[in-house]
């Protein structure tokens, strides 16, 4: 009888621990979502053409990769691209040229997605140049036709 009581108490403790772990992982997923939304704003994707545009100053930093295992309710490729942005931000970059996303197999994840790209520190002057150019355009005057 004493053994059954001990086993019951042990099982209840284990189940309570699992419940606490589940709450912990939900909080971790929530904080990851907050971090990912911040990354969306600070790291941008560029095309190779954009990087070599005369009005964009870009300094190559390094080749980076992002990785994602399947998570219920989230796009694997989107999570891998966010992980790539996190890697770019970690080395001081604010731009990335995405080369490819592909499926990989690892010990931790059978069907993972890996996104590879080049990290850059970008100073994009195009918006400023467009504003300056639009300020220099002649003003339209009503009633004047040529």
C-alpha atoms as a PDB file:
ATOM      1  CA  UNK A   1       0.000   0.000   0.000  1.00  0.00           C
ATOM      2  CA  UNK A   2       2.826   2.380   0.880  1.00  0.00           C
ATOM      3  CA  UNK A   3       4.504   1.593  -2.443  1.00  0.00           C
ATOM      4  CA  UNK A   4       1.344   2.520  -4.393  1.00  0.00           C
ATOM      5  CA  UNK A   5       1.122   5.826  -2.540  1.00  0.00           C
ATOM      6  CA  UNK A   6       4.767   6.620  -3.326  1.00  0.00           C
ATOM      7  CA  UNK A   7       4.286   5.742  -6.993  1.00  0.00           C
ATOM      8  CA  UNK A   8       1.142   7.880  -7.172  1.00  0.00           C
ATOM      9  CA  UNK A   9       2.925  10.847  -5.584  1.00  0.00           C
ATOM     10  CA  UNK A  10       5.856  10.376  -7.968  1.00  0.00           C
ATOM     11  CA  UNK A  11       3.584  10.293 -11.039  1.00  0.00           C
ATOM     12  CA  UNK A  12       1.735  13.413  -9.911  1.00  0.00           C
ATOM     13  CA  UNK A  13       5.067  15.227  -9.461  1.00  0.00           C
ATOM     14  CA  UNK A  14       6.214  14.152 -12.938  1.00  0.00           C
ATOM     15  CA  UNK A  15       2.971  15.307 -14.551  1.00  0.00           C
ATOM     16  CA  UNK A  16       3.148  18.641 -12.740  1.00  0.00           C
ATOM     17  CA  UNK A  17       6.704  19.081 -14.015  1.00  0.00           C
ATOM     18  CA  UNK A  18       5.594  18.384 -17.592  1.00  0.00           C
ATOM     19  CA  UNK A  19       2.866  20.988 -17.258  1.00  0.00           C
ATOM     20  CA  UNK A  20       5.391  23.577 -16.072  1.00  0.00           C
ATOM     21  CA  UNK A  21       7.709  22.659 -18.954  1.00  0.00           C
ATOM     22  CA  UNK A  22       4.858  23.149 -21.438  1.00  0.00           C
ATOM     23  CA  UNK A  23       4.195  26.648 -20.042  1.00  0.00           C
ATOM     24  CA  UNK A  24       7.928  27.409 -20.283  1.00  0.00           C
ATOM     25  CA  UNK A  25       8.069  26.397 -23.972  1.00  0.00           C
ATOM     26  CA  UNK A  26       4.965  28.466 -24.751  1.00  0.00           C
ATOM     27  CA  UNK A  27       6.629  31.514 -23.154  1.00  0.00           C
ATOM     28  CA  UNK A  28       9.800  30.833 -25.142  1.00  0.00           C
ATOM     29  CA  UNK A  29       7.783  30.664 -28.374  1.00  0.00           C
ATOM     30  CA  UNK A  30       6.086  33.959 -27.485  1.00  0.00           C
ATOM     31  CA  UNK A  31       9.405  35.714 -26.875  1.00  0.00           C
ATOM     32  CA  UNK A  32      10.772  34.259 -30.136  1.00  0.00           C
ATOM     33  CA  UNK A  33       7.808  35.783 -31.974  1.00  0.00           C
ATOM     34  CA  UNK A  34       8.539  39.177 -30.400  1.00  0.00           C
ATOM     35  CA  UNK A  35      12.214  38.929 -31.408  1.00  0.00           C
ATOM     36  CA  UNK A  36      11.268  37.862 -34.928  1.00  0.00           C
ATOM     37  CA  UNK A  37       9.002  40.872 -35.426  1.00  0.00           C
ATOM     38  CA  UNK A  38      11.857  43.154 -34.338  1.00  0.00           C
ATOM     39  CA  UNK A  39      14.187  41.430 -36.818  1.00  0.00           C
ATOM     40  CA  UNK A  40      11.754  42.006 -39.653  1.00  0.00           C
ATOM     41  CA  UNK A  41      12.157  45.732 -39.106  1.00  0.00           C
ATOM     42  CA  UNK A  42      15.963  45.881 -38.777  1.00  0.00           C
ATOM     43  CA  UNK A  43      17.236  43.387 -41.373  1.00  0.00           C
ATOM     44  CA  UNK A  44      16.060  43.652 -44.988  1.00  0.00           C
ATOM     45  CA  UNK A  45      16.286  41.291 -47.938  1.00  0.00           C
ATOM     46  CA  UNK A  46      17.949  42.709 -51.062  1.00  0.00           C
ATOM     47  CA  UNK A  47      18.425  41.401 -54.583  1.00  0.00           C
ATOM     48  CA  UNK A  48      21.980  41.219 -55.972  1.00  0.00           C
ATOM     49  CA  UNK A  49      21.012  44.076 -58.315  1.00  0.00           C
ATOM     50  CA  UNK A  50      20.045  46.236 -55.330  1.00  0.00           C
ATOM     51  CA  UNK A  51      23.398  45.630 -53.637  1.00  0.00           C
ATOM     52  CA  UNK A  52      25.342  46.713 -56.733  1.00  0.00           C
ATOM     53  CA  UNK A  53      23.156  49.778 -57.373  1.00  0.00           C
ATOM     54  CA  UNK A  54      25.205  53.005 -57.463  1.00  0.00           C
ATOM     55  CA  UNK A  55      23.016  54.561 -54.790  1.00  0.00           C
ATOM     56  CA  UNK A  56      23.496  51.732 -52.299  1.00  0.00           C
ATOM     57  CA  UNK A  57      26.638  51.386 -50.216  1.00  0.00           C
ATOM     58  CA  UNK A  58      26.991  47.755 -49.152  1.00  0.00           C
ATOM     59  CA  UNK A  59      29.863  46.072 -47.344  1.00  0.00           C
ATOM     60  CA  UNK A  60      29.950  42.269 -47.464  1.00  0.00           C
ATOM     61  CA  UNK A  61      30.241  40.760 -43.978  1.00  0.00           C
ATOM     62  CA  UNK A  62      29.966  36.978 -44.269  1.00  0.00           C
ATOM     63  CA  UNK A  63      28.051  34.012 -45.594  1.00  0.00           C
ATOM     64  CA  UNK A  64      25.234  33.124 -43.155  1.00  0.00           C
ATOM     65  CA  UNK A  65      22.635  30.373 -42.730  1.00  0.00           C
ATOM     66  CA  UNK A  66      19.293  30.120 -40.980  1.00  0.00           C
ATOM     67  CA  UNK A  67      17.738  26.862 -39.845  1.00  0.00           C
ATOM     68  CA  UNK A  68      14.248  25.665 -38.899  1.00  0.00           C
ATOM     69  CA  UNK A  69      12.725  22.399 -37.747  1.00  0.00           C
ATOM     70  CA  UNK A  70       8.996  21.832 -38.253  1.00  0.00           C
ATOM     71  CA  UNK A  71       6.914  23.683 -35.663  1.00  0.00           C
ATOM     72  CA  UNK A  72       3.170  23.325 -35.535  1.00  0.00           C
ATOM     73  CA  UNK A  73       1.343  26.324 -36.961  1.00  0.00           C
ATOM     74  CA  UNK A  74       4.428  28.082 -38.374  1.00  0.00           C
ATOM     75  CA  UNK A  75       5.942  28.088 -41.842  1.00  0.00           C
ATOM     76  CA  UNK A  76       9.269  26.270 -41.838  1.00  0.00           C
ATOM     77  CA  UNK A  77      10.743  28.428 -44.579  1.00  0.00           C
ATOM     78  CA  UNK A  78       9.585  31.634 -42.894  1.00  0.00           C
ATOM     79  CA  UNK A  79      11.179  30.554 -39.597  1.00  0.00           C
ATOM     80  CA  UNK A  80      14.434  29.642 -41.381  1.00  0.00           C
ATOM     81  CA  UNK A  81      14.481  33.062 -43.048  1.00  0.00           C
ATOM     82  CA  UNK A  82      13.929  34.745 -39.666  1.00  0.00           C
ATOM     83  CA  UNK A  83      16.784  32.671 -38.245  1.00  0.00           C
ATOM     84  CA  UNK A  84      18.932  33.858 -41.162  1.00  0.00           C
ATOM     85  CA  UNK A  85      18.014  37.460 -40.319  1.00  0.00           C
ATOM     86  CA  UNK A  86      18.987  36.811 -36.684  1.00  0.00           C
ATOM     87  CA  UNK A  87      22.377  35.466 -37.805  1.00  0.00           C
ATOM     88  CA  UNK A  88      22.915  38.533 -40.009  1.00  0.00           C
ATOM     89  CA  UNK A  89      21.960  40.889 -37.195  1.00  0.00           C
ATOM     90  CA  UNK A  90      24.270  39.056 -34.769  1.00  0.00           C
ATOM     91  CA  UNK A  91      27.311  39.986 -36.884  1.00  0.00           C
ATOM     92  CA  UNK A  92      26.236  43.614 -37.310  1.00  0.00           C
ATOM     93  CA  UNK A  93      24.452  43.363 -40.651  1.00  0.00           C
ATOM     94  CA  UNK A  94      21.219  44.969 -41.727  1.00  0.00           C
ATOM     95  CA  UNK A  95      20.821  43.415 -45.175  1.00  0.00           C
ATOM     96  CA  UNK A  96      20.911  39.957 -46.686  1.00  0.00           C
ATOM     97  CA  UNK A  97      20.885  38.584 -50.224  1.00  0.00           C
ATOM     98  CA  UNK A  98      19.049  35.264 -50.056  1.00  0.00           C
ATOM     99  CA  UNK A  99      20.737  32.597 -52.148  1.00  0.00           C
ATOM    100  CA  UNK A 100      18.464  29.625 -51.487  1.00  0.00           C
ATOM    101  CA  UNK A 101      16.358  27.683 -49.023  1.00  0.00           C
ATOM    102  CA  UNK A 102      16.628  23.911 -49.119  1.00  0.00           C
ATOM    103  CA  UNK A 103      15.721  20.830 -47.123  1.00  0.00           C
ATOM    104  CA  UNK A 104      18.413  19.290 -44.898  1.00  0.00           C
ATOM    105  CA  UNK A 105      18.546  16.359 -42.494  1.00  0.00           C
ATOM    106  CA  UNK A 106      20.178  16.547 -39.079  1.00  0.00           C
ATOM    107  CA  UNK A 107      20.264  14.457 -35.919  1.00  0.00           C
ATOM    108  CA  UNK A 108      17.773  16.796 -34.247  1.00  0.00           C
ATOM    109  CA  UNK A 109      15.368  17.187 -37.173  1.00  0.00           C
ATOM    110  CA  UNK A 110      14.531  14.845 -40.033  1.00  0.00           C
ATOM    111  CA  UNK A 111      13.030  17.406 -42.412  1.00  0.00           C
ATOM    112  CA  UNK A 112      14.549  20.793 -41.645  1.00  0.00           C
ATOM    113  CA  UNK A 113      14.823  23.857 -43.876  1.00  0.00           C
ATOM    114  CA  UNK A 114      18.076  25.790 -44.199  1.00  0.00           C
ATOM    115  CA  UNK A 115      18.245  29.231 -45.852  1.00  0.00           C
ATOM    116  CA  UNK A 116      21.644  30.523 -47.022  1.00  0.00           C
ATOM    117  CA  UNK A 117      22.557  34.079 -47.923  1.00  0.00           C
ATOM    118  CA  UNK A 118      25.191  36.801 -47.919  1.00  0.00           C
ATOM    119  CA  UNK A 119      25.149  39.279 -45.036  1.00  0.00           C
ATOM    120  CA  UNK A 120      25.803  42.957 -45.723  1.00  0.00           C
ATOM    121  CA  UNK A 121      26.011  46.233 -43.862  1.00  0.00           C
ATOM    122  CA  UNK A 122      23.888  48.425 -46.153  1.00  0.00           C
ATOM    123  CA  UNK A 123      23.432  52.165 -46.413  1.00  0.00           C
ATOM    124  CA  UNK A 124      20.617  52.679 -48.906  1.00  0.00           C
ATOM    125  CA  UNK A 125      20.540  56.221 -50.308  1.00  0.00           C
ATOM    126  CA  UNK A 126      17.893  55.585 -52.991  1.00  0.00           C
ATOM    127  CA  UNK A 127      14.928  56.924 -50.995  1.00  0.00           C
ATOM    128  CA  UNK A 128      16.804  60.131 -50.208  1.00  0.00           C
ATOM    129  CA  UNK A 129      17.793  60.577 -53.870  1.00  0.00           C
ATOM    130  CA  UNK A 130      14.176  60.012 -55.004  1.00  0.00           C
ATOM    131  CA  UNK A 131      12.936  62.635 -52.519  1.00  0.00           C
ATOM    132  CA  UNK A 132      15.547  65.115 -53.744  1.00  0.00           C
ATOM    133  CA  UNK A 133      14.673  64.418 -57.390  1.00  0.00           C
ATOM    134  CA  UNK A 134      10.946  64.870 -56.772  1.00  0.00           C
ATOM    135  CA  UNK A 135      11.636  68.194 -55.041  1.00  0.00           C
ATOM    136  CA  UNK A 136      13.463  69.379 -58.166  1.00  0.00           C
ATOM    137  CA  UNK A 137      10.653  68.489 -60.602  1.00  0.00           C
ATOM    138  CA  UNK A 138       8.719  71.429 -61.986  1.00  0.00           C
ATOM    139  CA  UNK A 139       5.498  72.122 -60.161  1.00  0.00           C
ATOM    140  CA  UNK A 140       2.246  71.537 -62.033  1.00  0.00           C
ATOM    141  CA  UNK A 141       0.222  74.619 -62.588  1.00  0.00           C
ATOM    142  CA  UNK A 142      -3.428  74.299 -63.402  1.00  0.00           C
ATOM    143  CA  UNK A 143      -4.574  75.779 -66.681  1.00  0.00           C
ATOM    144  CA  UNK A 144      -1.146  75.689 -68.347  1.00  0.00           C
ATOM    145  CA  UNK A 145      -0.931  73.263 -71.283  1.00  0.00           C
ATOM    146  CA  UNK A 146       1.945  72.827 -73.676  1.00  0.00           C
END
